[in-house]
PDB file of N, CA and C in Angstrom:
ATOM      1  N   MET A   1      20.376  96.950  14.197  1.00  0.00           N
ATOM      2  CA  MET A   1      20.026  98.252  14.797  1.00  0.00           C
ATOM      3  C   MET A   1      19.387  99.240  13.851  1.00  0.00           C
ATOM      4  N   ASP A   2      18.406  99.910  14.279  1.00  0.00           N
ATOM      5  CA  ASP A   2      17.678 100.855  13.469  1.00  0.00           C
ATOM      6  C   ASP A   2      18.615 101.927  12.962  1.00  0.00           C
ATOM      7  N   ILE A   3      18.442 102.322  11.647  1.00  0.00           N
ATOM      8  CA  ILE A   3      19.241 103.357  11.111  1.00  0.00           C
ATOM      9  C   ILE A   3      19.081 104.699  11.778  1.00  0.00           C
ATOM     10  N   LYS A   4      17.873 104.957  12.321  1.00  0.00           N
ATOM     11  CA  LYS A   4      17.687 106.206  13.043  1.00  0.00           C
ATOM     12  C   LYS A   4      18.588 106.296  14.277  1.00  0.00           C
ATOM     13  N   LEU A   5      18.727 105.162  14.932  1.00  0.00           N
ATOM     14  CA  LEU A   5      19.592 105.095  16.144  1.00  0.00           C
ATOM     15  C   LEU A   5      21.065 105.225  15.729  1.00  0.00           C
ATOM     16  N   LYS A   6      21.425 104.623  14.627  1.00  0.00           N
ATOM     17  CA  LYS A   6      22.831 104.701  14.139  1.00  0.00           C
ATOM     18  C   LYS A   6      23.178 106.111  13.795  1.00  0.00           C
ATOM     19  N   ILE A   7      22.276 106.824  13.084  1.00  0.00           N
ATOM     20  CA  ILE A   7      22.565 108.196  12.738  1.00  0.00           C
ATOM     21  C   ILE A   7      22.601 109.045  13.965  1.00  0.00           C
ATOM     22  N   GLY A   8      21.687 108.872  14.885  1.00  0.00           N
ATOM     23  CA  GLY A   8      21.668 109.643  16.118  1.00  0.00           C
ATOM     24  C   GLY A   8      22.954 109.446  16.922  1.00  0.00           C
ATOM     25  N   ARG A   9      23.400 108.196  16.974  1.00  0.00           N
ATOM     26  CA  ARG A   9      24.667 107.955  17.700  1.00  0.00           C
ATOM     27  C   ARG A   9      25.917 108.562  17.027  1.00  0.00           C
ATOM     28  N   ARG A  10      25.854 108.624  15.651  1.00  0.00           N
ATOM     29  CA  ARG A  10      26.923 109.185  14.949  1.00  0.00           C
ATOM     30  C   ARG A  10      26.985 110.699  15.162  1.00  0.00           C
ATOM     31  N   ILE A  11      25.806 111.330  15.199  1.00  0.00           N
ATOM     32  CA  ILE A  11      25.784 112.772  15.432  1.00  0.00           C
ATOM     33  C   ILE A  11      26.246 113.048  16.873  1.00  0.00           C
ATOM     34  N   LYS A  12      25.768 112.275  17.834  1.00  0.00           N
ATOM     35  CA  LYS A  12      26.201 112.504  19.196  1.00  0.00           C
ATOM     36  C   LYS A  12      27.714 112.318  19.315  1.00  0.00           C
ATOM     37  N   GLU A  13      28.257 111.226  18.705  1.00  0.00           N
ATOM     38  CA  GLU A  13      29.691 110.939  18.745  1.00  0.00           C
ATOM     39  C   GLU A  13      30.493 112.139  18.208  1.00  0.00           C
ATOM     40  N   LEU A  14      30.052 112.655  17.032  1.00  0.00           N
ATOM     41  CA  LEU A  14      30.818 113.764  16.444  1.00  0.00           C
ATOM     42  C   LEU A  14      30.649 115.061  17.284  1.00  0.00           C
ATOM     43  N   ARG A  15      29.471 115.294  17.838  1.00  0.00           N
ATOM     44  CA  ARG A  15      29.236 116.463  18.615  1.00  0.00           C
ATOM     45  C   ARG A  15      30.074 116.396  19.903  1.00  0.00           C
ATOM     46  N   GLU A  16      30.179 115.238  20.575  1.00  0.00           N
ATOM     47  CA  GLU A  16      31.013 115.160  21.750  1.00  0.00           C
ATOM     48  C   GLU A  16      32.472 115.289  21.419  1.00  0.00           C
ATOM     49  N   GLN A  17      32.905 114.828  20.243  1.00  0.00           N
ATOM     50  CA  GLN A  17      34.310 114.983  19.844  1.00  0.00           C
ATOM     51  C   GLN A  17      34.663 116.452  19.715  1.00  0.00           C
ATOM     52  N   LYS A  18      33.664 117.199  19.298  1.00  0.00           N
ATOM     53  CA  LYS A  18      33.896 118.740  19.101  1.00  0.00           C
ATOM     54  C   LYS A  18      33.632 119.468  20.382  1.00  0.00           C
ATOM     55  N   LYS A  19      33.233 118.734  21.451  1.00  0.00           N
ATOM     56  CA  LYS A  19      32.907 119.295  22.760  1.00  0.00           C
ATOM     57  C   LYS A  19      31.862 120.366  22.615  1.00  0.00           C
ATOM     58  N   MET A  20      30.750 120.009  21.906  1.00  0.00           N
ATOM     59  CA  MET A  20      29.628 120.851  21.708  1.00  0.00           C
ATOM     60  C   MET A  20      28.467 120.415  22.505  1.00  0.00           C
ATOM     61  N   ALA A  21      27.730 121.291  23.078  1.00  0.00           N
ATOM     62  CA  ALA A  21      26.419 120.944  23.709  1.00  0.00           C
ATOM     63  C   ALA A  21      25.394 120.872  22.600  1.00  0.00           C
ATOM     64  N   GLN A  22      24.344 120.217  22.884  1.00  0.00           N
ATOM     65  CA  GLN A  22      23.202 120.095  21.982  1.00  0.00           C
ATOM     66  C   GLN A  22      22.716 121.483  21.445  1.00  0.00           C
ATOM     67  N   LYS A  23      22.629 122.394  22.400  1.00  0.00           N
ATOM     68  CA  LYS A  23      22.135 123.683  22.097  1.00  0.00           C
ATOM     69  C   LYS A  23      23.134 124.444  21.121  1.00  0.00           C
ATOM     70  N   ASP A  24      24.370 124.221  21.348  1.00  0.00           N
ATOM     71  CA  ASP A  24      25.360 124.851  20.410  1.00  0.00           C
ATOM     72  C   ASP A  24      25.309 124.246  18.989  1.00  0.00           C
ATOM     73  N   LEU A  25      25.102 122.938  18.923  1.00  0.00           N
ATOM     74  CA  LEU A  25      24.894 122.305  17.592  1.00  0.00           C
ATOM     75  C   LEU A  25      23.651 122.819  16.922  1.00  0.00           C
ATOM     76  N   ALA A  26      22.536 122.840  17.706  1.00  0.00           N
ATOM     77  CA  ALA A  26      21.307 123.276  17.203  1.00  0.00           C
ATOM     78  C   ALA A  26      21.380 124.688  16.636  1.00  0.00           C
ATOM     79  N   TYR A  27      22.082 125.593  17.376  1.00  0.00           N
ATOM     80  CA  TYR A  27      22.253 126.984  16.893  1.00  0.00           C
ATOM     81  C   TYR A  27      23.058 127.010  15.640  1.00  0.00           C
ATOM     82  N   ALA A  28      24.138 126.259  15.599  1.00  0.00           N
ATOM     83  CA  ALA A  28      25.064 126.259  14.452  1.00  0.00           C
ATOM     84  C   ALA A  28      24.368 125.709  13.184  1.00  0.00           C
ATOM     85  N   ALA A  29      23.445 124.754  13.415  1.00  0.00           N
ATOM     86  CA  ALA A  29      22.761 124.073  12.314  1.00  0.00           C
ATOM     87  C   ALA A  29      21.438 124.784  11.986  1.00  0.00           C
ATOM     88  N   ASP A  30      21.019 125.720  12.776  1.00  0.00           N
ATOM     89  CA  ASP A  30      19.752 126.442  12.616  1.00  0.00           C
ATOM     90  C   ASP A  30      18.609 125.433  12.789  1.00  0.00           C
ATOM     91  N   LEU A  31      18.686 124.611  13.836  1.00  0.00           N
ATOM     92  CA  LEU A  31      17.679 123.667  14.162  1.00  0.00           C
ATOM     93  C   LEU A  31      17.332 123.784  15.624  1.00  0.00           C
ATOM     94  N   ASP A  32      16.210 123.264  16.055  1.00  0.00           N
ATOM     95  CA  ASP A  32      15.705 123.352  17.429  1.00  0.00           C
ATOM     96  C   ASP A  32      16.570 122.406  18.307  1.00  0.00           C
ATOM     97  N   ARG A  33      16.899 122.748  19.513  1.00  0.00           N
ATOM     98  CA  ARG A  33      17.634 121.853  20.412  1.00  0.00           C
ATOM     99  C   ARG A  33      16.880 120.508  20.666  1.00  0.00           C
ATOM    100  N   SER A  34      15.580 120.667  20.870  1.00  0.00           N
ATOM    101  CA  SER A  34      14.796 119.409  21.118  1.00  0.00           C
ATOM    102  C   SER A  34      14.796 118.479  19.916  1.00  0.00           C
ATOM    103  N   TYR A  35      14.884 119.036  18.739  1.00  0.00           N
ATOM    104  CA  TYR A  35      14.968 118.287  17.525  1.00  0.00           C
ATOM    105  C   TYR A  35      16.320 117.472  17.534  1.00  0.00           C
ATOM    106  N   ILE A  36      17.362 118.141  17.893  1.00  0.00           N
ATOM    107  CA  ILE A  36      18.752 117.496  17.894  1.00  0.00           C
ATOM    108  C   ILE A  36      18.651 116.347  18.907  1.00  0.00           C
ATOM    109  N   ALA A  37      18.053 116.645  20.056  1.00  0.00           N
ATOM    110  CA  ALA A  37      17.954 115.632  21.098  1.00  0.00           C
ATOM    111  C   ALA A  37      17.160 114.394  20.608  1.00  0.00           C
ATOM    112  N   SER A  38      16.055 114.612  19.961  1.00  0.00           N
ATOM    113  CA  SER A  38      15.242 113.523  19.447  1.00  0.00           C
ATOM    114  C   SER A  38      15.941 112.730  18.361  1.00  0.00           C
ATOM    115  N   ILE A  39      16.759 113.419  17.523  1.00  0.00           N
ATOM    116  CA  ILE A  39      17.521 112.766  16.500  1.00  0.00           C
ATOM    117  C   ILE A  39      18.552 111.781  17.155  1.00  0.00           C
ATOM    118  N   GLU A  40      19.287 112.396  18.188  1.00  0.00           N
ATOM    119  CA  GLU A  40      20.344 111.589  18.840  1.00  0.00           C
ATOM    120  C   GLU A  40      19.745 110.412  19.615  1.00  0.00           C
ATOM    121  N   ASN A  41      18.496 110.506  19.985  1.00  0.00           N
ATOM    122  CA  ASN A  41      17.858 109.400  20.728  1.00  0.00           C
ATOM    123  C   ASN A  41      17.141 108.414  19.720  1.00  0.00           C
ATOM    124  N   GLY A  42      17.287 108.679  18.406  1.00  0.00           N
ATOM    125  CA  GLY A  42      16.726 107.739  17.397  1.00  0.00           C
ATOM    126  C   GLY A  42      15.249 107.841  17.262  1.00  0.00           C
ATOM    127  N   GLN A  43      14.718 109.024  17.676  1.00  0.00           N
ATOM    128  CA  GLN A  43      13.217 109.172  17.599  1.00  0.00           C
ATOM    129  C   GLN A  43      12.785 109.895  16.426  1.00  0.00           C
ATOM    130  N   ARG A  44      13.696 110.322  15.583  1.00  0.00           N
ATOM    131  CA  ARG A  44      13.333 111.135  14.333  1.00  0.00           C
ATOM    132  C   ARG A  44      13.837 110.497  13.120  1.00  0.00           C
ATOM    133  N   ASN A  45      13.109 110.557  12.070  1.00  0.00           N
ATOM    134  CA  ASN A  45      13.544 110.146  10.766  1.00  0.00           C
ATOM    135  C   ASN A  45      14.068 111.449  10.038  1.00  0.00           C
ATOM    136  N   VAL A  46      15.300 111.686  10.314  1.00  0.00           N
ATOM    137  CA  VAL A  46      15.898 113.001   9.891  1.00  0.00           C
ATOM    138  C   VAL A  46      16.185 112.975   8.396  1.00  0.00           C
ATOM    139  N   SER A  47      15.872 114.123   7.769  1.00  0.00           N
ATOM    140  CA  SER A  47      16.039 114.289   6.321  1.00  0.00           C
ATOM    141  C   SER A  47      17.542 114.457   6.010  1.00  0.00           C
ATOM    142  N   ILE A  48      17.925 114.168   4.759  1.00  0.00           N
ATOM    143  CA  ILE A  48      19.269 114.369   4.285  1.00  0.00           C
ATOM    144  C   ILE A  48      19.673 115.904   4.347  1.00  0.00           C
ATOM    145  N   VAL A  49      18.724 116.730   4.121  1.00  0.00           N
ATOM    146  CA  VAL A  49      18.910 118.202   4.175  1.00  0.00           C
ATOM    147  C   VAL A  49      19.361 118.536   5.615  1.00  0.00           C
ATOM    148  N   ASN A  50      18.703 117.980   6.611  1.00  0.00           N
ATOM    149  CA  ASN A  50      19.073 118.345   8.009  1.00  0.00           C
ATOM    150  C   ASN A  50      20.371 117.617   8.436  1.00  0.00           C
ATOM    151  N   ILE A  51      20.636 116.478   7.873  1.00  0.00           N
ATOM    152  CA  ILE A  51      21.888 115.745   8.119  1.00  0.00           C
ATOM    153  C   ILE A  51      23.039 116.637   7.580  1.00  0.00           C
ATOM    154  N   GLU A  52      22.837 117.215   6.395  1.00  0.00           N
ATOM    155  CA  GLU A  52      23.847 118.100   5.803  1.00  0.00           C
ATOM    156  C   GLU A  52      24.046 119.335   6.654  1.00  0.00           C
ATOM    157  N   LYS A  53      23.026 119.938   7.197  1.00  0.00           N
ATOM    158  CA  LYS A  53      23.092 121.097   8.107  1.00  0.00           C
ATOM    159  C   LYS A  53      23.946 120.682   9.300  1.00  0.00           C
ATOM    160  N   ILE A  54      23.613 119.503   9.902  1.00  0.00           N
ATOM    161  CA  ILE A  54      24.265 119.127  11.088  1.00  0.00           C
ATOM    162  C   ILE A  54      25.723 118.782  10.835  1.00  0.00           C
ATOM    163  N   ALA A  55      26.003 118.086   9.769  1.00  0.00           N
ATOM    164  CA  ALA A  55      27.377 117.784   9.409  1.00  0.00           C
ATOM    165  C   ALA A  55      28.232 119.050   9.166  1.00  0.00           C
ATOM    166  N   SER A  56      27.638 120.006   8.504  1.00  0.00           N
ATOM    167  CA  SER A  56      28.354 121.283   8.268  1.00  0.00           C
ATOM    168  C   SER A  56      28.596 122.022   9.583  1.00  0.00           C
ATOM    169  N   ALA A  57      27.598 122.015  10.471  1.00  0.00           N
ATOM    170  CA  ALA A  57      27.787 122.635  11.794  1.00  0.00           C
ATOM    171  C   ALA A  57      28.832 121.901  12.605  1.00  0.00           C
ATOM    172  N   LEU A  58      29.025 120.647  12.398  1.00  0.00           N
ATOM    173  CA  LEU A  58      29.993 119.864  13.119  1.00  0.00           C
ATOM    174  C   LEU A  58      31.399 119.971  12.396  1.00  0.00           C
ATOM    175  N   GLY A  59      31.489 120.602  11.228  1.00  0.00           N
ATOM    176  CA  GLY A  59      32.702 120.736  10.513  1.00  0.00           C
ATOM    177  C   GLY A  59      33.134 119.502   9.797  1.00  0.00           C
ATOM    178  N   VAL A  60      32.209 118.633   9.391  1.00  0.00           N
ATOM    179  CA  VAL A  60      32.552 117.474   8.658  1.00  0.00           C
ATOM    180  C   VAL A  60      31.794 117.402   7.320  1.00  0.00           C
ATOM    181  N   SER A  61      32.307 116.781   6.324  1.00  0.00           N
ATOM    182  CA  SER A  61      31.579 116.557   5.064  1.00  0.00           C
ATOM    183  C   SER A  61      30.659 115.457   5.236  1.00  0.00           C
ATOM    184  N   LEU A  62      29.715 115.354   4.251  1.00  0.00           N
ATOM    185  CA  LEU A  62      28.782 114.277   4.299  1.00  0.00           C
ATOM    186  C   LEU A  62      29.500 112.950   4.128  1.00  0.00           C
ATOM    187  N   LYS A  63      30.566 112.923   3.326  1.00  0.00           N
ATOM    188  CA  LYS A  63      31.382 111.703   3.162  1.00  0.00           C
ATOM    189  C   LYS A  63      31.983 111.301   4.549  1.00  0.00           C
ATOM    190  N   GLU A  64      32.565 112.257   5.269  1.00  0.00           N
ATOM    191  CA  GLU A  64      33.067 111.959   6.604  1.00  0.00           C
ATOM    192  C   GLU A  64      31.951 111.508   7.530  1.00  0.00           C
ATOM    193  N   PHE A  65      30.822 112.105   7.452  1.00  0.00           N
ATOM    194  CA  PHE A  65      29.716 111.762   8.307  1.00  0.00           C
ATOM    195  C   PHE A  65      29.347 110.329   8.155  1.00  0.00           C
ATOM    196  N   PHE A  66      29.203 109.927   6.849  1.00  0.00           N
ATOM    197  CA  PHE A  66      28.733 108.560   6.586  1.00  0.00           C
ATOM    198  C   PHE A  66      29.842 107.537   6.512  1.00  0.00           C
ATOM    199  N   ASN A  67      31.102 107.988   6.626  1.00  0.00           N
ATOM    200  CA  ASN A  67      32.285 107.128   6.608  1.00  0.00           C
ATOM    201  C   ASN A  67      32.484 106.536   8.074  1.00  0.00           C
ATOM    202  N   ASP A  68      31.517 105.803   8.511  1.00  0.00           N
ATOM    203  CA  ASP A  68      31.595 105.253   9.838  1.00  0.00           C
ATOM    204  C   ASP A  68      31.091 103.774   9.710  1.00  0.00           C
ATOM    205  N   GLY A  69      31.949 102.860  10.027  1.00  0.00           N
ATOM    206  CA  GLY A  69      31.608 101.436   9.842  1.00  0.00           C
ATOM    207  C   GLY A  69      30.359 101.001  10.496  1.00  0.00           C
ATOM    208  N   GLU A  70      29.997 101.618  11.587  1.00  0.00           N
ATOM    209  CA  GLU A  70      28.754 101.225  12.293  1.00  0.00           C
ATOM    210  C   GLU A  70      27.443 101.539  11.528  1.00  0.00           C
ATOM    211  N   LEU A  71      27.474 102.598  10.750  1.00  0.00           N
ATOM    212  CA  LEU A  71      26.232 102.995  10.093  1.00  0.00           C
ATOM    213  C   LEU A  71      25.737 101.923   9.076  1.00  0.00           C
ATOM    214  N   PHE A  72      26.654 101.290   8.413  1.00  0.00           N
ATOM    215  CA  PHE A  72      26.226 100.314   7.366  1.00  0.00           C
ATOM    216  C   PHE A  72      26.672  98.904   7.681  1.00  0.00           C
ATOM    217  N   HIS A  73      27.127  98.598   8.877  1.00  0.00           N
ATOM    218  CA  HIS A  73      27.616  97.290   9.218  1.00  0.00           C
ATOM    219  C   HIS A  73      26.560  96.192   9.013  1.00  0.00           C
ATOM    220  N   ASN A  74      25.393  96.399   9.518  1.00  0.00           N
ATOM    221  CA  ASN A  74      24.379  95.435   9.401  1.00  0.00           C
ATOM    222  C   ASN A  74      23.858  95.294   7.972  1.00  0.00           C
ATOM    223  N   HIS A  75      23.781  96.443   7.253  1.00  0.00           N
ATOM    224  CA  HIS A  75      23.362  96.402   5.878  1.00  0.00           C
ATOM    225  C   HIS A  75      24.285  95.597   5.012  1.00  0.00           C
ATOM    226  N   GLU A  76      25.599  95.772   5.218  1.00  0.00           N
ATOM    227  CA  GLU A  76      26.600  95.002   4.442  1.00  0.00           C
ATOM    228  C   GLU A  76      26.479  93.538   4.700  1.00  0.00           C
ATOM    229  N   ASN A  77      26.352  93.188   5.945  1.00  0.00           N
ATOM    230  CA  ASN A  77      26.213  91.772   6.351  1.00  0.00           C
ATOM    231  C   ASN A  77      24.957  91.182   5.703  1.00  0.00           C
ATOM    232  N   HIS A  78      23.873  91.893   5.691  1.00  0.00           N
ATOM    233  CA  HIS A  78      22.575  91.458   5.108  1.00  0.00           C
ATOM    234  C   HIS A  78      22.764  91.250   3.602  1.00  0.00           C
ATOM    235  N   LYS A  79      23.505  92.140   2.982  1.00  0.00           N
ATOM    236  CA  LYS A  79      23.740  92.015   1.485  1.00  0.00           C
ATOM    237  C   LYS A  79      24.590  90.764   1.231  1.00  0.00           C
ATOM    238  N   LYS A  80      25.627  90.541   2.038  1.00  0.00           N
ATOM    239  CA  LYS A  80      26.520  89.391   1.854  1.00  0.00           C
ATOM    240  C   LYS A  80      25.708  88.057   2.080  1.00  0.00           C
ATOM    241  N   GLN A  81      24.857  88.070   3.136  1.00  0.00           N
ATOM    242  CA  GLN A  81      24.034  86.886   3.397  1.00  0.00           C
ATOM    243  C   GLN A  81      23.086  86.616   2.231  1.00  0.00           C
ATOM    244  N   LYS A  82      22.445  87.599   1.684  1.00  0.00           N
ATOM    245  CA  LYS A  82      21.509  87.468   0.541  1.00  0.00           C
ATOM    246  C   LYS A  82      22.230  86.878  -0.673  1.00  0.00           C
ATOM    247  N   SER A  83      23.472  87.339  -0.878  1.00  0.00           N
ATOM    248  CA  SER A  83      24.247  86.897  -2.101  1.00  0.00           C
ATOM    249  C   SER A  83      24.608  85.391  -1.984  1.00  0.00           C
ATOM    250  N   ARG A  84      24.729  84.921  -0.761  1.00  0.00           N
ATOM    251  CA  ARG A  84      25.036  83.452  -0.569  1.00  0.00           C
ATOM    252  C   ARG A  84      23.882  82.579  -0.738  1.00  0.00           C
ATOM    253  N   GLU A  85      22.669  83.108  -0.671  1.00  0.00           N
ATOM    254  CA  GLU A  85      21.464  82.289  -0.800  1.00  0.00           C
ATOM    255  C   GLU A  85      21.155  81.905  -2.247  1.00  0.00           C
TER     256      GLU A  85
END
């Protein structure tokens, strides 16, 4: 799965856990609501600066944000497969 989709899904998951609407997250992160929507849909290559803004608005650290098995699941499998070759 594309990393943009994984990050978008992670943001949506955290936002929904906090019971926040996209507009509330956008306001808290000082970003446009349509930008948040496009990130969640995997249509944007979001910068680490904006990921930090979003994580902060969601009340999580970057470590917590990226501490999700789904984000790097395929990457780790790919690394393991390469090391076997």
